[in-house]
Amino acid sequence: MKIHNLRHYGKSLLEMMEDVPPEIIKEISDLSFNLIEKHLNSDELGIFITSLSMAKERLLKKNLTKVSEKGLKSKKFINQQIEWAASFSTAVKIIGKEKALKIFREISEKTYPILFFYMFPKPEDLNEFADPFKAFKDWFLTMMGANKKVGLFDYKIVVNNNDMFQMDCIWCAWHETYKYLGAKDACIPICYADDAFYPDYFQKTGIKYNRTKTLGWGNAICDFRFERSVKDFN
C-alpha cells in the first residue's frame, strides 16, 4: 500500500466528516441523547428539552468573528459547536457543572470512537507498512497541515524523530468557539475524546499516545505525543 492510499490521506477533519455515513451521524446523535436521558430524571429531562432551543437561539447571537480570523468558514462546524455548547450549558444549569461534565465525558467516550473509526486509517492498513509508526506520522502531520489551512488548528512540531513526534496545538477552533460562546468548559469533554480513542486505536500498531495538557483544561497548549512502543520493525 502507498501512503497516499490510506483513508482520507491529506484531508482535513472537516472534509473527513463529510464522508461519515448519515446513518452513523444519526446513531451518534441518538446515542448522545440516550446518555443524557439516562442521567436525568423525568423533570430534569423535560426542562432540558424545553430549554435547549432557547439556549441555541441565545448562542446563535454571539459574535464569533475571532474564530473565523484563522480562516474557518464552515457554518456547519460552527452550528455543530453551538449545538454542543447549548446542550452542555443547559445541562449545567439543571444539574450543575460537575454532573454535566460527567455526562458529556461519557458521551465523548461512547461516540467519538465510532466517529473516528470512519475518519482515521484502519489499523490493519497501517500494519501493511513495514513501519506503521512512520506511516501514521506521515498521515497525521499531513492531516494537521490540512486542518491548519481550513482554520481548525494552529500548532508547532516540537519533536520529530524516528521514534517519537510531538505536536503542540497552540490554537484550537473548538476551544476558541466555546470560549466566545461563553461556554469554555464545554471543551473539556471534547478534549477527552482523544483519550477515549487513541489508546484502543493504537493497540495493534505498536504506537503509544500520551497527552498531559490541553487548551480546554486551561493550559497554554495541547501536547500531543506519539511514540513507538515497538522498535524492532524490519
Protein backbone atom coordinates (compact mmCIF):
# COMPACT_ATOMS: atom_id res chain seq x y z
CA MET A 1 0.00 0.00 0.00
CA LYS A 2 1.12 3.54 -0.79
CA ILE A 3 0.88 6.20 1.91
CA HIS A 4 -1.49 8.35 -0.15
CA ASN A 5 -3.89 5.38 -0.36
CA LEU A 6 -4.53 5.47 3.37
CA ARG A 7 -8.09 6.54 4.10
CA HIS A 8 -8.56 10.33 3.99
CA TYR A 9 -4.86 11.00 3.42
CA GLY A 10 -4.29 14.75 3.07
CA LYS A 11 -7.81 15.72 4.13
CA SER A 12 -8.84 17.99 6.98
CA LEU A 13 -11.17 16.84 9.73
CA LEU A 14 -13.90 18.94 8.12
CA GLU A 15 -13.55 17.01 4.86
CA MET A 16 -13.44 13.68 6.69
CA MET A 17 -16.68 14.48 8.50
CA GLU A 18 -18.43 14.85 5.16
CA ASP A 19 -17.59 11.22 4.37
CA VAL A 20 -19.15 9.79 7.54
CA PRO A 21 -22.36 7.94 6.54
CA PRO A 22 -25.59 9.75 7.54
CA GLU A 23 -26.80 6.69 9.44
CA ILE A 24 -23.68 6.85 11.62
CA ILE A 25 -24.30 10.53 12.37
CA LYS A 26 -27.85 9.62 13.40
CA GLU A 27 -26.58 6.72 15.52
CA ILE A 28 -24.21 9.09 17.34
CA SER A 29 -26.94 11.71 17.81
CA ASP A 30 -29.37 9.14 19.19
CA LEU A 31 -26.74 7.65 21.48
CA SER A 32 -25.84 11.10 22.81
CA PHE A 33 -29.45 11.88 23.66
CA ASN A 34 -29.94 8.44 25.23
CA LEU A 35 -26.98 9.07 27.53
CA ILE A 36 -28.42 12.42 28.60
CA GLU A 37 -31.79 10.77 29.15
CA LYS A 38 -30.17 8.04 31.25
CA HIS A 39 -28.69 10.53 33.71
CA LEU A 40 -31.59 12.96 34.07
CA ASN A 41 -34.83 12.27 35.89
CA SER A 42 -38.12 12.96 34.11
CA ASP A 43 -38.45 16.51 35.46
CA GLU A 44 -34.85 17.38 34.59
CA LEU A 45 -35.22 15.90 31.11
CA GLY A 46 -38.36 17.92 30.48
CA ILE A 47 -36.60 21.14 31.47
CA PHE A 48 -33.60 20.18 29.35
CA ILE A 49 -35.71 19.64 26.22
CA THR A 50 -37.74 22.84 26.62
CA SER A 51 -34.69 24.97 27.47
CA LEU A 52 -32.40 23.71 24.72
CA SER A 53 -33.91 25.68 21.82
CA MET A 54 -33.71 28.92 23.81
CA ALA A 55 -30.06 28.21 24.60
CA LYS A 56 -29.34 27.68 20.89
CA GLU A 57 -31.06 30.92 19.95
CA ARG A 58 -29.03 32.79 22.54
CA LEU A 59 -25.72 31.33 21.34
CA LEU A 60 -26.52 31.98 17.68
CA LYS A 61 -26.40 35.69 18.51
CA LYS A 62 -22.83 35.50 19.84
CA ASN A 63 -20.04 37.19 17.90
CA LEU A 64 -17.67 34.52 16.56
CA THR A 65 -15.64 36.66 14.17
CA LYS A 66 -12.49 35.99 16.21
CA VAL A 67 -12.85 32.29 15.43
CA SER A 68 -13.04 32.91 11.68
CA GLU A 69 -9.85 35.01 11.69
CA LYS A 70 -7.82 31.81 11.28
CA GLY A 71 -9.72 31.05 8.08
CA LEU A 72 -12.53 28.89 9.41
CA LYS A 73 -15.51 29.32 7.06
CA SER A 74 -17.56 26.22 7.82
CA LYS A 75 -21.01 27.24 9.07
CA LYS A 76 -21.76 23.55 9.60
CA PHE A 77 -18.85 23.27 12.03
CA ILE A 78 -19.96 26.38 13.95
CA ASN A 79 -23.55 25.14 14.16
CA GLN A 80 -22.36 21.77 15.48
CA GLN A 81 -20.38 23.51 18.23
CA ILE A 82 -23.34 25.73 19.09
CA GLU A 83 -25.45 22.59 19.42
CA TRP A 84 -22.91 21.00 21.76
CA ALA A 85 -22.37 24.19 23.80
CA ALA A 86 -26.11 24.75 24.14
CA SER A 87 -26.66 21.17 25.32
CA PHE A 88 -23.79 21.35 27.77
CA SER A 89 -24.76 24.79 29.13
CA THR A 90 -28.36 23.70 29.57
CA ALA A 91 -27.28 20.60 31.47
CA VAL A 92 -25.03 22.71 33.71
CA LYS A 93 -27.96 24.96 34.66
CA ILE A 94 -30.13 21.97 35.52
CA ILE A 95 -27.73 19.61 37.33
CA GLY A 96 -24.51 21.60 37.89
CA LYS A 97 -21.14 21.60 36.17
CA GLU A 98 -19.68 18.50 37.81
CA LYS A 99 -22.58 16.23 36.82
CA ALA A 100 -22.80 17.79 33.35
CA LEU A 101 -19.10 17.16 32.75
CA LYS A 102 -19.54 13.54 33.78
CA ILE A 103 -22.41 13.04 31.32
CA PHE A 104 -20.70 14.78 28.41
CA ARG A 105 -17.45 12.99 29.07
CA GLU A 106 -19.37 9.73 28.77
CA ILE A 107 -20.91 10.96 25.52
CA SER A 108 -17.42 11.62 24.14
CA GLU A 109 -16.20 8.25 25.38
CA LYS A 110 -19.03 6.36 23.69
CA THR A 111 -19.49 8.35 20.46
CA TYR A 112 -16.15 9.69 19.27
CA PRO A 113 -14.53 6.28 18.76
CA ILE A 114 -17.48 5.45 16.46
CA LEU A 115 -16.98 8.69 14.55
CA PHE A 116 -13.19 8.47 14.33
CA PHE A 117 -13.41 4.90 13.04
CA TYR A 118 -14.76 6.36 9.78
CA MET A 119 -12.19 9.14 9.65
CA PHE A 120 -8.80 7.67 10.57
CA PRO A 121 -6.88 4.98 8.65
CA LYS A 122 -7.79 1.44 9.60
CA PRO A 123 -5.17 -0.02 11.99
CA GLU A 124 -4.82 -3.05 9.73
CA ASP A 125 -3.94 -0.72 6.84
CA LEU A 126 -1.22 0.94 8.91
CA ASN A 127 0.11 -2.52 9.70
CA GLU A 128 0.60 -3.20 6.00
CA PHE A 129 3.56 -0.82 6.12
CA ALA A 130 6.97 -2.04 7.24
CA ASP A 131 6.88 0.81 9.77
CA PRO A 132 3.32 1.61 10.95
CA PHE A 133 4.59 4.42 13.18
CA LYS A 134 6.20 6.23 10.26
CA ALA A 135 3.07 5.74 8.15
CA PHE A 136 0.83 7.15 10.87
CA LYS A 137 3.16 10.09 11.45
CA ASP A 138 3.05 10.99 7.76
CA TRP A 139 -0.75 10.66 7.68
CA PHE A 140 -1.26 12.66 10.90
CA LEU A 141 1.08 15.54 10.10
CA THR A 142 -0.37 15.84 6.59
CA MET A 143 -3.84 15.93 8.15
CA MET A 144 -2.77 18.65 10.58
CA GLY A 145 -1.41 20.72 7.69
CA ALA A 146 -4.84 20.46 6.03
CA ASN A 147 -6.54 21.35 9.33
CA LYS A 148 -4.44 24.49 9.63
CA LYS A 149 -5.39 25.59 6.12
CA VAL A 150 -9.10 25.40 6.91
CA GLY A 151 -8.69 27.23 10.24
CA LEU A 152 -9.21 24.38 12.70
CA PHE A 153 -5.81 24.48 14.41
CA ASP A 154 -2.54 26.29 14.74
CA TYR A 155 0.34 24.20 16.02
CA LYS A 156 4.08 23.62 16.14
CA ILE A 157 6.08 20.42 15.89
CA VAL A 158 8.45 20.34 18.86
CA VAL A 159 9.84 16.80 18.48
CA ASN A 160 10.13 14.82 15.25
CA ASN A 161 12.48 11.86 15.10
CA ASN A 162 12.44 8.19 14.15
CA ASP A 163 10.81 7.04 17.39
CA MET A 164 8.61 9.94 18.50
CA PHE A 165 6.89 13.10 17.41
CA GLN A 166 5.14 15.74 19.46
CA MET A 167 2.74 18.34 18.17
CA ASP A 168 1.83 21.24 20.44
CA CYS A 169 -1.53 22.70 19.49
CA ILE A 170 -1.47 26.42 20.30
CA TRP A 171 -4.87 27.38 18.87
CA CYS A 172 -7.97 25.22 18.51
CA ALA A 173 -11.26 26.14 16.83
CA TRP A 174 -13.23 24.06 19.31
CA HIS A 175 -11.65 25.79 22.29
CA GLU A 176 -11.99 29.26 20.77
CA THR A 177 -15.60 28.72 19.70
CA TYR A 178 -16.70 27.61 23.16
CA LYS A 179 -14.78 30.49 24.71
CA TYR A 180 -16.58 33.10 22.63
CA LEU A 181 -19.89 31.32 23.19
CA GLY A 182 -19.34 31.79 26.92
CA ALA A 183 -19.23 28.02 27.50
CA LYS A 184 -15.49 27.30 27.72
CA ASP A 185 -15.96 24.22 29.91
CA ALA A 186 -17.84 22.56 27.03
CA CYS A 187 -14.39 21.94 25.56
CA ILE A 188 -13.30 19.63 28.38
CA PRO A 189 -15.33 16.60 27.21
CA ILE A 190 -14.23 17.26 23.62
CA CYS A 191 -10.60 17.08 24.72
CA TYR A 192 -11.37 13.77 26.38
CA ALA A 193 -12.45 12.31 23.02
CA ASP A 194 -8.78 11.86 22.04
CA ASP A 195 -8.03 9.98 25.25
CA ALA A 196 -11.04 7.76 24.65
CA PHE A 197 -10.00 6.94 21.08
CA TYR A 198 -6.24 6.71 20.62
CA PRO A 199 -5.22 4.01 23.17
CA ASP A 200 -7.59 1.40 21.70
CA TYR A 201 -6.91 2.55 18.15
CA PHE A 202 -3.18 2.02 18.57
CA GLN A 203 -3.45 -1.28 20.43
CA LYS A 204 -2.27 -3.36 17.46
CA THR A 205 0.03 -0.91 15.71
CA GLY A 206 2.99 -0.57 18.06
CA ILE A 207 2.26 3.12 18.73
CA LYS A 208 1.75 4.86 22.06
CA TYR A 209 -0.21 8.07 22.64
CA ASN A 210 0.24 10.49 25.52
CA ARG A 211 -1.00 13.97 26.36
CA THR A 212 -0.58 15.87 29.62
CA LYS A 213 -2.04 19.29 28.74
CA THR A 214 -4.92 20.71 26.75
CA LEU A 215 -6.21 24.19 25.99
CA GLY A 216 -9.59 23.05 27.26
CA TRP A 217 -8.10 22.26 30.66
CA GLY A 218 -6.70 25.78 30.88
CA ASN A 219 -3.18 25.06 29.66
CA ALA A 220 -1.31 27.09 27.04
CA ILE A 221 -1.03 24.10 24.67
CA CYS A 222 -2.31 20.62 23.89
CA ASP A 223 0.83 18.46 23.89
CA PHE A 224 0.05 15.52 21.61
CA ARG A 225 2.85 12.96 21.76
CA PHE A 226 3.07 9.79 19.69
CA GLU A 227 5.91 7.29 20.01
CA ARG A 228 6.85 3.76 19.26
CA SER A 229 6.01 1.11 21.78
CA VAL A 230 7.61 -1.46 19.47
CA LYS A 231 11.01 -0.60 17.99
CA ASP A 232 12.10 -3.69 16.05
CA PHE A 233 10.46 -3.18 12.66
CA ASN A 234 12.16 -4.95 9.76
